[in-house]
């Protein structure tokens, strides 16, 4: 640790933004200008007073952090790997299984730029597998049945990662953020993935501040531009009613699982259900007449995460609805076509012991994600020409939900009602589906022509 007595502490600077005021404590250590921002003036005064007191009693300041040695000692020296494991363990009990997996993937990508040496370094693929599936998994990290190569890789990582304090340096943090953007083969991740990982890293840095391992979160201060995310649905992926019905019919011809998935995909298209909601649909959720309009009460979601991430050991994690509190439900109208599909499904395949409608072929077991994906891909290949199949049109089962919501909006259903049925806020709904609204351009042009005095003929 390099120290100096060349310290000057300046007056607090005040920055008044549009929404908040920031009080900046400014000081110089060995000609290096430093600044710490606070939202509350009292906190800024307190921090500055600590610096002044340390300087007056002749205490040395650490050149790297800019802090007095006494304050620097309060920050534990912890390696990145040790810290990342602690962060995972802190989040684990309250996190959904899919969130656990996403956290592990983000921390694994960040770790690639934080090794202290290449000497004896295992293969990059082995490192990622060891970190993502074992090191950053609370339940599996200390599993005595770890494969020998995984255990050896984790031991190497534990000995050769930089301290968490190194992330306070821009020259260390920048490569970490850059590493979040690319795959092992050098291909870029989708902007949404990059931004999600950056948020996870920033949350981890906040935890480091809480643990007094860092003086402040270094991520927001770094001038690093994240790729822009596209939130709106690509209208090219949205199937029209004829295309959707043709695809559903094609699913029914895919052996062996196709026939038992027609109603499942029908729930996505006719009721705009998310796949994890349709998987959890049970007989008690149905309020159906013999024919005609009915209602579906959705109360549970079972997203696929992988059995190593769930508490139950099942591949799917049983959760509350997305963006809803535990116990909340939402009711969706069931059109006559979907009513008929559901009745037909129950007559042909029955239900599981717990009442679930959609199961795998093996004695009522959970519906595998791979079965869903394969049936959809085969149906799509059967219906579409190679040229159409190469486009995003109905590229994934989730696109059926997009088609449902787009159809409702274009059919004149009020946005408030559509948002309620789909489980969105109105703001998010219009943001996501803005490009899928048909007819608006024609209406707007007609209004402009009328304003200009053109006769409507």
Protein backbone atom coordinates (compact mmCIF):
# COMPACT_ATOMS: atom_id res chain seq x y z
CA UNK A 1 0.00 0.00 0.00
CA UNK A 2 1.50 3.34 -1.12
CA UNK A 3 0.90 6.24 1.32
CA UNK A 4 1.52 9.98 1.37
CA UNK A 5 1.16 13.03 3.60
CA UNK A 6 0.55 15.31 0.62
CA UNK A 7 -3.13 15.94 1.35
CA UNK A 8 -5.42 18.93 0.78
CA UNK A 9 -9.09 18.94 1.73
CA UNK A 10 -11.35 21.40 -0.08
CA UNK A 11 -14.74 22.91 0.62
CA UNK A 12 -17.86 20.88 -0.16
CA UNK A 13 -19.17 21.50 -3.66
CA UNK A 14 -22.89 21.59 -4.35
CA UNK A 15 -24.38 20.35 -7.60
CA UNK A 16 -28.08 21.06 -8.16
CA UNK A 17 -29.59 18.78 -10.76
CA UNK A 18 -33.13 18.70 -12.11
CA UNK A 19 -34.27 16.14 -9.55
CA UNK A 20 -31.69 16.00 -6.77
CA UNK A 21 -28.93 17.99 -5.16
CA UNK A 22 -25.53 16.36 -4.62
CA UNK A 23 -23.01 17.46 -2.00
CA UNK A 24 -19.49 16.61 -3.18
CA UNK A 25 -16.66 16.19 -0.70
CA UNK A 26 -13.48 17.10 -2.60
CA UNK A 27 -9.90 16.44 -1.62
CA UNK A 28 -6.48 15.90 -3.19
CA UNK A 29 -4.01 13.13 -2.30
CA UNK A 30 -0.56 13.22 -3.92
CA UNK A 31 -1.89 15.57 -6.63
CA UNK A 32 -4.71 13.10 -7.32
CA UNK A 33 -8.13 14.78 -7.21
CA UNK A 34 -10.85 12.83 -5.46
CA UNK A 35 -14.55 13.35 -4.93
CA UNK A 36 -17.30 11.58 -2.96
CA UNK A 37 -20.94 12.54 -3.55
CA UNK A 38 -23.71 12.54 -0.94
CA UNK A 39 -27.43 13.26 -1.25
CA UNK A 40 -27.59 14.54 2.36
CA UNK A 41 -25.44 17.50 3.44
CA UNK A 42 -24.99 16.16 6.98
CA UNK A 43 -23.39 12.98 5.63
CA UNK A 44 -21.05 15.01 3.45
CA UNK A 45 -20.07 17.20 6.45
CA UNK A 46 -19.42 14.09 8.55
CA UNK A 47 -17.23 12.44 5.91
CA UNK A 48 -15.24 15.64 5.34
CA UNK A 49 -14.77 16.01 9.08
CA UNK A 50 -13.23 12.52 9.26
CA UNK A 51 -10.76 13.44 6.52
CA UNK A 52 -9.87 16.74 8.21
CA UNK A 53 -9.36 15.04 11.59
CA UNK A 54 -7.08 12.40 10.09
CA UNK A 55 -5.01 15.04 8.25
CA UNK A 56 -4.65 17.22 11.36
CA UNK A 57 -3.32 14.37 13.47
CA UNK A 58 -0.69 13.69 10.85
CA UNK A 59 -2.10 10.43 9.54
CA UNK A 60 -0.88 9.06 6.23
CA UNK A 61 -3.35 8.68 3.35
CA UNK A 62 -3.51 5.70 0.99
CA UNK A 63 -2.72 6.89 -2.54
CA UNK A 64 -4.93 4.30 -4.33
CA UNK A 65 -8.14 4.84 -2.36
CA UNK A 66 -7.44 8.41 -1.21
CA UNK A 67 -8.53 7.46 2.31
CA UNK A 68 -6.66 7.84 5.62
CA UNK A 69 -4.88 4.63 6.61
CA UNK A 70 -7.21 4.17 9.58
CA UNK A 71 -10.25 4.25 7.30
CA UNK A 72 -8.53 2.04 4.75
CA UNK A 73 -7.91 -0.62 7.39
CA UNK A 74 -11.62 -0.87 8.04
CA UNK A 75 -12.01 -2.30 4.57
CA UNK A 76 -11.34 -6.04 4.62
CA UNK A 77 -9.07 -7.54 2.01
CA UNK A 78 -11.19 -10.11 0.20
CA UNK A 79 -10.63 -11.75 -3.16
CA UNK A 80 -13.14 -11.28 -5.95
CA UNK A 81 -14.02 -14.98 -5.91
CA UNK A 82 -14.57 -15.03 -2.15
CA UNK A 83 -16.70 -11.90 -2.39
CA UNK A 84 -18.75 -13.16 -5.35
CA UNK A 85 -19.53 -16.37 -3.44
CA UNK A 86 -20.60 -14.29 -0.42
CA UNK A 87 -22.86 -12.18 -2.66
CA UNK A 88 -24.45 -15.30 -4.16
CA UNK A 89 -25.05 -16.76 -0.70
CA UNK A 90 -26.63 -13.52 0.51
CA UNK A 91 -29.06 -13.45 -2.44
CA UNK A 92 -29.79 -17.18 -2.61
CA UNK A 93 -32.53 -17.74 0.03
CA UNK A 94 -34.93 -15.11 -1.36
CA UNK A 95 -34.07 -15.36 -5.07
CA UNK A 96 -36.08 -17.21 -7.70
CA UNK A 97 -34.28 -20.14 -9.30
CA UNK A 98 -33.99 -18.30 -12.63
CA UNK A 99 -32.51 -15.28 -10.81
CA UNK A 100 -29.96 -17.52 -9.09
CA UNK A 101 -28.86 -18.83 -12.46
CA UNK A 102 -28.76 -15.34 -14.01
CA UNK A 103 -26.64 -14.01 -11.11
CA UNK A 104 -24.21 -16.89 -11.56
CA UNK A 105 -23.91 -16.26 -15.29
CA UNK A 106 -23.21 -12.54 -14.75
CA UNK A 107 -20.60 -13.13 -12.04
CA UNK A 108 -18.95 -15.81 -14.18
CA UNK A 109 -18.61 -13.39 -17.10
CA UNK A 110 -17.17 -10.72 -14.79
CA UNK A 111 -14.61 -13.13 -13.34
CA UNK A 112 -12.86 -13.67 -16.66
CA UNK A 113 -11.06 -10.30 -16.40
CA UNK A 114 -10.05 -10.63 -12.75
CA UNK A 115 -7.43 -13.37 -12.74
CA UNK A 116 -3.96 -12.42 -11.50
CA UNK A 117 -2.02 -14.77 -13.78
CA UNK A 118 -2.30 -17.13 -16.75
CA UNK A 119 0.18 -19.57 -15.27
CA UNK A 120 -1.47 -22.95 -14.83
CA UNK A 121 -4.79 -21.47 -15.88
CA UNK A 122 -7.43 -24.09 -16.79
CA UNK A 123 -9.31 -24.00 -20.08
CA UNK A 124 -11.74 -21.06 -20.38
CA UNK A 125 -14.72 -23.34 -20.95
CA UNK A 126 -13.82 -25.36 -17.87
CA UNK A 127 -13.49 -22.17 -15.81
CA UNK A 128 -16.93 -20.98 -16.88
CA UNK A 129 -18.50 -24.35 -16.16
CA UNK A 130 -16.82 -24.55 -12.75
CA UNK A 131 -17.89 -21.04 -11.75
CA UNK A 132 -21.39 -20.95 -13.20
CA UNK A 133 -22.56 -24.43 -12.27
CA UNK A 134 -20.61 -25.01 -9.05
CA UNK A 135 -18.70 -22.07 -7.53
CA UNK A 136 -21.57 -19.60 -7.80
CA UNK A 137 -24.20 -22.15 -6.78
CA UNK A 138 -24.70 -22.12 -3.01
CA UNK A 139 -25.99 -25.70 -2.90
CA UNK A 140 -23.22 -27.21 -5.04
CA UNK A 141 -20.08 -25.25 -4.16
CA UNK A 142 -18.99 -27.65 -1.41
CA UNK A 143 -20.53 -30.78 -2.88
CA UNK A 144 -18.16 -33.70 -2.09
CA UNK A 145 -19.20 -35.31 -5.38
CA UNK A 146 -17.74 -32.54 -7.54
CA UNK A 147 -15.86 -33.90 -10.56
CA UNK A 148 -12.09 -33.76 -9.86
CA UNK A 149 -11.45 -31.31 -12.71
CA UNK A 150 -14.11 -28.94 -11.33
CA UNK A 151 -12.67 -29.05 -7.81
CA UNK A 152 -9.14 -28.41 -9.13
CA UNK A 153 -10.37 -25.50 -11.25
CA UNK A 154 -12.14 -23.86 -8.31
CA UNK A 155 -8.99 -24.19 -6.19
CA UNK A 156 -6.98 -22.43 -8.89
CA UNK A 157 -9.59 -19.67 -9.17
CA UNK A 158 -9.64 -19.19 -5.39
CA UNK A 159 -5.89 -18.62 -5.36
CA UNK A 160 -5.63 -16.42 -8.44
CA UNK A 161 -8.32 -13.73 -8.44
CA UNK A 162 -7.71 -10.07 -7.69
CA UNK A 163 -8.97 -8.46 -4.48
CA UNK A 164 -12.40 -6.90 -4.64
CA UNK A 165 -10.80 -3.52 -3.87
CA UNK A 166 -9.12 -3.59 -7.29
CA UNK A 167 -12.49 -2.87 -8.92
CA UNK A 168 -12.25 0.69 -7.62
CA UNK A 169 -9.65 1.27 -10.35
CA UNK A 170 -11.11 2.17 -13.79
CA UNK A 171 -8.37 0.22 -15.56
CA UNK A 172 -9.58 -2.94 -13.77
CA UNK A 173 -13.33 -2.31 -13.90
CA UNK A 174 -13.50 -1.43 -17.60
CA UNK A 175 -12.29 -4.86 -18.86
CA UNK A 176 -14.75 -6.48 -16.46
CA UNK A 177 -17.66 -4.58 -18.01
CA UNK A 178 -16.35 -5.29 -21.50
CA UNK A 179 -16.28 -8.98 -20.61
CA UNK A 180 -20.01 -8.91 -19.95
CA UNK A 181 -20.70 -8.14 -23.61
CA UNK A 182 -19.11 -11.10 -25.43
CA UNK A 183 -19.34 -14.87 -25.50
CA UNK A 184 -16.38 -17.20 -25.36
CA UNK A 185 -16.38 -17.36 -29.17
CA UNK A 186 -16.20 -13.56 -29.38
CA UNK A 187 -19.79 -13.09 -30.58
CA UNK A 188 -21.71 -10.30 -28.81
CA UNK A 189 -24.52 -10.96 -26.35
CA UNK A 190 -27.89 -9.32 -26.88
CA UNK A 191 -28.06 -5.80 -25.40
CA UNK A 192 -30.74 -6.92 -22.93
CA UNK A 193 -28.37 -9.59 -21.56
CA UNK A 194 -25.52 -7.08 -21.22
CA UNK A 195 -27.65 -4.54 -19.40
CA UNK A 196 -29.05 -7.16 -17.05
CA UNK A 197 -25.53 -8.32 -16.20
CA UNK A 198 -24.33 -4.79 -15.64
CA UNK A 199 -27.15 -4.25 -13.15
CA UNK A 200 -26.19 -7.43 -11.31
CA UNK A 201 -22.54 -6.31 -11.12
CA UNK A 202 -23.62 -2.89 -9.85
CA UNK A 203 -25.80 -4.53 -7.18
CA UNK A 204 -22.82 -6.64 -6.15
CA UNK A 205 -20.70 -3.50 -5.81
CA UNK A 206 -23.36 -1.96 -3.55
CA UNK A 207 -23.06 -5.06 -1.38
CA UNK A 208 -19.26 -4.57 -1.32
CA UNK A 209 -19.81 -1.02 -0.03
CA UNK A 210 -22.18 -2.37 2.61
CA UNK A 211 -19.47 -4.83 3.69
CA UNK A 212 -16.91 -1.99 3.78
CA UNK A 213 -14.89 -3.67 1.05
CA UNK A 214 -15.18 -0.63 -1.23
CA UNK A 215 -15.60 3.05 -0.34
CA UNK A 216 -18.30 3.49 -3.00
CA UNK A 217 -19.87 1.77 -5.99
CA UNK A 218 -17.45 2.33 -8.90
CA UNK A 219 -19.83 1.25 -11.70
CA UNK A 220 -21.98 4.42 -12.09
CA UNK A 221 -18.93 6.70 -12.11
CA UNK A 222 -17.16 4.86 -14.94
CA UNK A 223 -17.71 6.33 -18.40
CA UNK A 224 -18.72 3.11 -20.09
CA UNK A 225 -21.50 2.96 -22.65
CA UNK A 226 -23.77 -0.05 -22.47
CA UNK A 227 -25.37 -1.26 -25.71
CA UNK A 228 -28.89 0.04 -26.26
CA UNK A 229 -31.64 -2.42 -25.48
CA UNK A 230 -34.67 -2.80 -27.70
CA UNK A 231 -37.79 -3.15 -25.55
CA UNK A 232 -40.43 -3.13 -28.28
CA UNK A 233 -41.62 -6.35 -29.88
CA UNK A 234 -40.41 -6.86 -33.45
CA UNK A 235 -43.63 -6.83 -35.45
CA UNK A 236 -42.04 -9.25 -37.93
CA UNK A 237 -42.28 -11.93 -35.24
CA UNK A 238 -46.03 -11.47 -34.73
CA UNK A 239 -48.20 -14.07 -36.48
CA UNK A 240 -51.63 -13.12 -37.81
CA UNK A 241 -54.67 -15.24 -36.88
CA UNK A 242 -54.43 -17.44 -39.99
CA UNK A 243 -50.74 -18.15 -39.42
CA UNK A 244 -51.28 -18.84 -35.72
CA UNK A 245 -54.10 -21.30 -36.34
CA UNK A 246 -52.09 -23.04 -39.07
CA UNK A 247 -49.18 -23.48 -36.66
CA UNK A 248 -51.46 -24.86 -33.95
CA UNK A 249 -52.85 -27.41 -36.39
CA UNK A 250 -49.31 -28.40 -37.40
CA UNK A 251 -48.33 -28.91 -33.76
CA UNK A 252 -51.07 -31.54 -33.50
CA UNK A 253 -49.40 -33.64 -36.21
CA UNK A 254 -45.99 -33.78 -34.48
CA UNK A 255 -45.50 -37.19 -32.94
CA UNK A 256 -45.35 -38.18 -30.20
CA UNK A 257 -45.88 -35.13 -28.00
CA UNK A 258 -47.55 -32.78 -30.49
CA UNK A 259 -51.21 -33.70 -29.82
CA UNK A 260 -50.88 -33.04 -26.07
CA UNK A 261 -49.34 -29.59 -26.75
CA UNK A 262 -52.01 -28.07 -29.01
CA UNK A 263 -54.06 -26.71 -26.10
CA UNK A 264 -50.86 -25.59 -24.38
CA UNK A 265 -49.88 -23.42 -27.33
CA UNK A 266 -53.54 -22.39 -27.61
CA UNK A 267 -53.32 -20.89 -24.10
CA UNK A 268 -50.38 -18.76 -25.25
CA UNK A 269 -52.18 -17.52 -28.33
CA UNK A 270 -55.82 -17.19 -27.29
CA UNK A 271 -55.21 -16.11 -23.65
CA UNK A 272 -51.78 -14.44 -23.94
CA UNK A 273 -50.40 -16.65 -21.18
CA UNK A 274 -46.68 -16.88 -20.57
CA UNK A 275 -45.29 -20.40 -21.14
CA UNK A 276 -44.46 -20.77 -17.42
CA UNK A 277 -48.07 -19.85 -16.59
CA UNK A 278 -49.55 -22.33 -19.07
CA UNK A 279 -47.33 -25.11 -17.68
CA UNK A 280 -48.81 -24.53 -14.21
CA UNK A 281 -52.43 -24.36 -15.39
CA UNK A 282 -54.62 -26.82 -13.46
CA UNK A 283 -58.25 -27.88 -13.66
CA UNK A 284 -59.20 -25.68 -10.70
CA UNK A 285 -58.05 -22.63 -12.73
CA UNK A 286 -60.72 -23.26 -15.37
CA UNK A 287 -64.21 -21.84 -15.36
CA UNK A 288 -65.56 -23.16 -18.64
CA UNK A 289 -69.02 -23.79 -20.05
CA UNK A 290 -69.58 -26.71 -22.41
CA UNK A 291 -68.92 -24.25 -25.23
CA UNK A 292 -68.47 -20.51 -25.69
CA UNK A 293 -66.65 -17.96 -23.55
CA UNK A 294 -65.13 -18.99 -20.25
CA UNK A 295 -62.52 -17.65 -17.82
CA UNK A 296 -59.04 -18.72 -16.70
CA UNK A 297 -57.76 -17.69 -13.27
CA UNK A 298 -53.98 -17.71 -13.34
CA UNK A 299 -52.34 -18.00 -9.92
CA UNK A 300 -48.96 -19.72 -10.39
CA UNK A 301 -45.96 -19.73 -12.71
CA UNK A 302 -43.41 -22.51 -13.13
CA UNK A 303 -40.42 -21.11 -15.06
CA UNK A 304 -37.78 -23.59 -16.17
CA UNK A 305 -34.50 -23.02 -14.32
CA UNK A 306 -32.79 -26.41 -14.08
CA UNK A 307 -32.83 -28.71 -11.06
CA UNK A 308 -29.47 -27.48 -9.76
CA UNK A 309 -31.00 -24.04 -9.10
CA UNK A 310 -34.32 -24.95 -7.46
CA UNK A 311 -34.90 -25.83 -3.82
CA UNK A 312 -37.13 -28.74 -4.77
CA UNK A 313 -34.70 -30.41 -7.16
CA UNK A 314 -37.25 -30.14 -9.97
CA UNK A 315 -36.40 -28.46 -13.26
CA UNK A 316 -39.18 -25.93 -12.78
CA UNK A 317 -39.47 -23.45 -9.92
CA UNK A 318 -42.98 -22.92 -8.57
CA UNK A 319 -43.43 -19.14 -8.14
CA UNK A 320 -46.00 -16.38 -7.90
CA UNK A 321 -47.00 -14.56 -11.08
CA UNK A 322 -44.44 -12.23 -12.64
CA UNK A 323 -44.37 -8.77 -11.01
CA UNK A 324 -47.08 -9.89 -8.57
CA UNK A 325 -47.07 -10.54 -4.84
CA UNK A 326 -47.42 -14.13 -3.65
CA UNK A 327 -51.08 -15.15 -3.70
CA UNK A 328 -52.16 -12.58 -6.32
CA UNK A 329 -54.09 -13.86 -9.33
CA UNK A 330 -55.23 -12.54 -12.68
CA UNK A 331 -58.29 -13.50 -14.68
CA UNK A 332 -58.18 -13.88 -18.46
CA UNK A 333 -61.16 -14.47 -20.78
CA UNK A 334 -61.17 -17.81 -22.55
CA UNK A 335 -62.46 -17.50 -26.14
CA UNK A 336 -64.70 -20.26 -27.55
CA UNK A 337 -61.83 -21.77 -29.60
CA UNK A 338 -59.68 -22.15 -26.51
CA UNK A 339 -62.63 -23.54 -24.53
CA UNK A 340 -63.00 -26.25 -27.16
CA UNK A 341 -59.27 -26.99 -27.18
CA UNK A 342 -59.14 -27.37 -23.39
CA UNK A 343 -62.19 -29.66 -23.25
CA UNK A 344 -60.70 -31.80 -26.04
CA UNK A 345 -57.35 -31.97 -24.23
CA UNK A 346 -58.92 -33.08 -20.94
CA UNK A 347 -61.04 -35.73 -22.68
CA UNK A 348 -58.01 -37.14 -24.50
CA UNK A 349 -55.24 -36.84 -21.91
CA UNK A 350 -56.93 -36.23 -18.57
CA UNK A 351 -55.06 -34.36 -15.84
CA UNK A 352 -52.20 -35.10 -13.48
CA UNK A 353 -52.81 -36.18 -9.88
CA UNK A 354 -52.52 -32.55 -8.76
CA UNK A 355 -54.91 -31.38 -11.50
CA UNK A 356 -52.29 -29.99 -13.92
CA UNK A 357 -53.41 -30.05 -17.53
CA UNK A 358 -50.09 -30.18 -19.36
CA UNK A 359 -47.59 -32.90 -18.48
CA UNK A 360 -44.93 -34.98 -20.11
CA UNK A 361 -45.64 -38.37 -21.61
CA UNK A 362 -44.29 -40.25 -18.61
CA UNK A 363 -47.02 -40.73 -16.04
CA UNK A 364 -47.91 -37.12 -15.34
CA UNK A 365 -44.38 -35.78 -14.92
CA UNK A 366 -43.58 -32.10 -15.52
CA UNK A 367 -43.68 -30.91 -19.12
CA UNK A 368 -40.05 -30.70 -20.34
CA UNK A 369 -38.93 -27.43 -21.89
CA UNK A 370 -37.13 -29.28 -24.68
CA UNK A 371 -40.36 -31.06 -25.66
CA UNK A 372 -42.11 -27.71 -26.07
CA UNK A 373 -39.30 -26.20 -28.13
CA UNK A 374 -38.89 -29.20 -30.41
CA UNK A 375 -42.59 -29.49 -31.19
CA UNK A 376 -42.75 -25.79 -32.06
CA UNK A 377 -39.65 -25.90 -34.26
CA UNK A 378 -40.92 -28.92 -36.17
CA UNK A 379 -44.38 -27.39 -36.71
CA UNK A 380 -42.81 -24.16 -37.90
CA UNK A 381 -40.55 -26.01 -40.34
CA UNK A 382 -43.55 -27.95 -41.67
CA UNK A 383 -45.76 -24.89 -42.23
CA UNK A 384 -43.31 -22.27 -43.48
CA UNK A 385 -41.23 -22.22 -46.63
CA UNK A 386 -37.45 -22.04 -45.99
CA UNK A 387 -37.51 -18.32 -46.83
CA UNK A 388 -40.25 -17.60 -44.26
CA UNK A 389 -38.69 -19.94 -41.70
CA UNK A 390 -35.51 -17.84 -41.89
CA UNK A 391 -37.44 -14.77 -40.67
CA UNK A 392 -38.39 -14.00 -37.04
CA UNK A 393 -42.08 -14.83 -37.70
CA UNK A 394 -43.34 -16.88 -34.73
CA UNK A 395 -39.74 -17.83 -34.03
CA UNK A 396 -40.43 -18.93 -30.44
CA UNK A 397 -43.53 -20.10 -28.54
CA UNK A 398 -43.46 -16.81 -26.61
CA UNK A 399 -44.25 -15.01 -29.88
CA UNK A 400 -47.75 -16.47 -29.63
CA UNK A 401 -48.30 -14.33 -26.53
CA UNK A 402 -47.07 -11.29 -28.46
CA UNK A 403 -49.50 -12.17 -31.25
CA UNK A 404 -52.38 -12.41 -28.78
CA UNK A 405 -51.72 -9.03 -27.18
CA UNK A 406 -51.21 -7.38 -30.59
CA UNK A 407 -54.48 -8.86 -31.86
CA UNK A 408 -56.38 -7.53 -28.82
CA UNK A 409 -54.95 -4.04 -29.20
CA UNK A 410 -55.57 -3.90 -32.94
CA UNK A 411 -59.07 -5.25 -32.38
CA UNK A 412 -59.95 -2.18 -30.32
CA UNK A 413 -59.79 -3.66 -26.81
CA UNK A 414 -58.88 -0.78 -24.45
CA UNK A 415 -55.23 -0.73 -23.41
CA UNK A 416 -56.19 -0.81 -19.72
CA UNK A 417 -58.11 -4.04 -20.25
CA UNK A 418 -55.38 -5.62 -22.38
CA UNK A 419 -52.78 -4.72 -19.74
CA UNK A 420 -54.91 -6.38 -17.05
CA UNK A 421 -55.38 -9.55 -19.09
CA UNK A 422 -51.70 -9.77 -20.06
CA UNK A 423 -50.33 -8.97 -16.61
CA UNK A 424 -48.60 -5.71 -17.63
CA UNK A 425 -48.84 -2.11 -16.59
CA UNK A 426 -50.36 0.09 -19.30
CA UNK A 427 -47.06 1.96 -19.64
CA UNK A 428 -45.07 -1.21 -20.23
CA UNK A 429 -47.74 -2.61 -22.53
CA UNK A 430 -47.67 0.37 -24.89
CA UNK A 431 -43.88 0.55 -24.78
CA UNK A 432 -43.49 -3.10 -25.75
CA UNK A 433 -46.23 -3.29 -28.36
CA UNK A 434 -46.02 0.20 -29.89
CA UNK A 435 -44.71 -1.14 -33.20
CA UNK A 436 -47.39 -3.80 -33.45
CA UNK A 437 -50.34 -1.45 -33.74
CA UNK A 438 -51.78 -1.49 -37.27
CA UNK A 439 -53.75 1.24 -38.93
CA UNK A 440 -52.42 4.17 -36.92
CA UNK A 441 -50.33 5.53 -39.78
CA UNK A 442 -53.34 5.62 -42.11
CA UNK A 443 -55.51 7.36 -39.51
CA UNK A 444 -52.86 9.97 -38.77
CA UNK A 445 -52.38 10.74 -42.46
CA UNK A 446 -56.12 11.19 -42.91
CA UNK A 447 -56.18 13.65 -40.00
CA UNK A 448 -53.28 15.61 -41.51
CA UNK A 449 -55.03 15.76 -44.88
CA UNK A 450 -58.19 17.00 -43.18
CA UNK A 451 -56.24 19.68 -41.32
CA UNK A 452 -54.69 20.80 -44.60
CA UNK A 453 -58.15 21.16 -46.16
CA UNK A 454 -57.99 18.17 -48.50
CA UNK A 455 -61.33 16.67 -49.39
CA UNK A 456 -61.90 13.14 -48.30
CA UNK A 457 -63.05 11.15 -51.27
